[in-house]
Amino acid sequence: MEDCAEDATDDGIDAMGNPSAGTIVYAGPLEDGLTDERLSDLFGMPIEVQHTHGRWSAYAV
């Protein structure tokens, strides 16, 4: 755990701009959290989320 913490900054973002392990970025219903906009903002790139037959997928677009 200490190795992961060394890469994190005070705001919970690592050197690559991704949330550090264990960082909570959303709490609520899954359908409201896994959106194109939310994941695109979180990872700084356009992402498309699909929910088909009970399975979730996310793709860089």
Protein backbone atom coordinates (compact mmCIF):
# COMPACT_ATOMS: atom_id res chain seq x y z
CA MET A 1 0.00 0.00 0.00
CA GLU A 2 2.81 2.44 0.71
CA ASP A 3 4.17 2.07 -2.84
CA CYS A 4 0.82 3.17 -4.28
CA ALA A 5 0.59 6.08 -1.88
CA GLU A 6 3.96 7.47 -3.01
CA ASP A 7 2.56 8.15 -6.49
CA ALA A 8 -0.53 9.94 -5.20
CA THR A 9 -0.88 13.67 -4.70
CA ASP A 10 -2.94 15.36 -1.99
CA ASP A 11 -6.00 15.48 -4.27
CA GLY A 12 -6.01 11.68 -4.87
CA ILE A 13 -4.69 11.89 -8.46
CA ASP A 14 -1.55 10.02 -9.50
CA ALA A 15 1.24 11.31 -11.76
CA MET A 16 -0.64 10.10 -14.87
CA GLY A 17 -3.80 12.04 -13.94
CA ASN A 18 -5.75 8.95 -12.85
CA PRO A 19 -7.42 8.52 -9.46
CA SER A 20 -5.14 6.82 -6.96
CA ALA A 21 -6.03 3.32 -5.80
CA GLY A 22 -8.82 3.47 -3.26
CA THR A 23 -9.91 7.02 -4.19
CA ILE A 24 -13.70 7.42 -4.17
CA VAL A 25 -14.75 9.58 -7.13
CA TYR A 26 -18.50 8.83 -7.05
CA ALA A 27 -21.00 7.36 -4.60
CA GLY A 28 -24.51 6.57 -5.74
CA PRO A 29 -26.47 4.39 -8.15
CA LEU A 30 -24.30 2.65 -10.74
CA GLU A 31 -26.47 3.85 -13.62
CA ASP A 32 -25.89 7.47 -12.58
CA GLY A 33 -22.16 7.01 -12.01
CA LEU A 34 -21.08 5.17 -15.14
CA THR A 35 -21.81 7.82 -17.74
CA ASP A 36 -19.90 8.93 -20.82
CA GLU A 37 -19.46 12.41 -19.35
CA ARG A 38 -18.33 11.30 -15.89
CA LEU A 39 -15.75 8.79 -17.14
CA SER A 40 -14.52 11.14 -19.87
CA ASP A 41 -13.95 13.88 -17.28
CA LEU A 42 -12.33 11.46 -14.86
CA PHE A 43 -9.80 10.09 -17.35
CA GLY A 44 -9.38 13.23 -19.48
CA MET A 45 -10.34 11.56 -22.76
CA PRO A 46 -13.57 10.78 -24.60
CA ILE A 47 -15.09 7.52 -23.33
CA GLU A 48 -18.32 5.84 -24.40
CA VAL A 49 -20.14 3.67 -21.85
CA GLN A 50 -22.53 0.93 -22.92
CA HIS A 51 -24.90 -1.17 -20.78
CA THR A 52 -26.23 -4.17 -22.69
CA HIS A 53 -27.86 -7.32 -21.31
CA GLY A 54 -26.72 -6.49 -17.77
CA ARG A 55 -23.05 -5.98 -18.71
CA TRP A 56 -21.10 -2.71 -18.67
CA SER A 57 -18.44 -1.74 -21.22
CA ALA A 58 -16.38 1.42 -21.69
CA TYR A 59 -14.50 2.36 -24.86
CA ALA A 60 -12.14 5.18 -25.73
CA VAL A 61 -13.59 7.03 -28.72
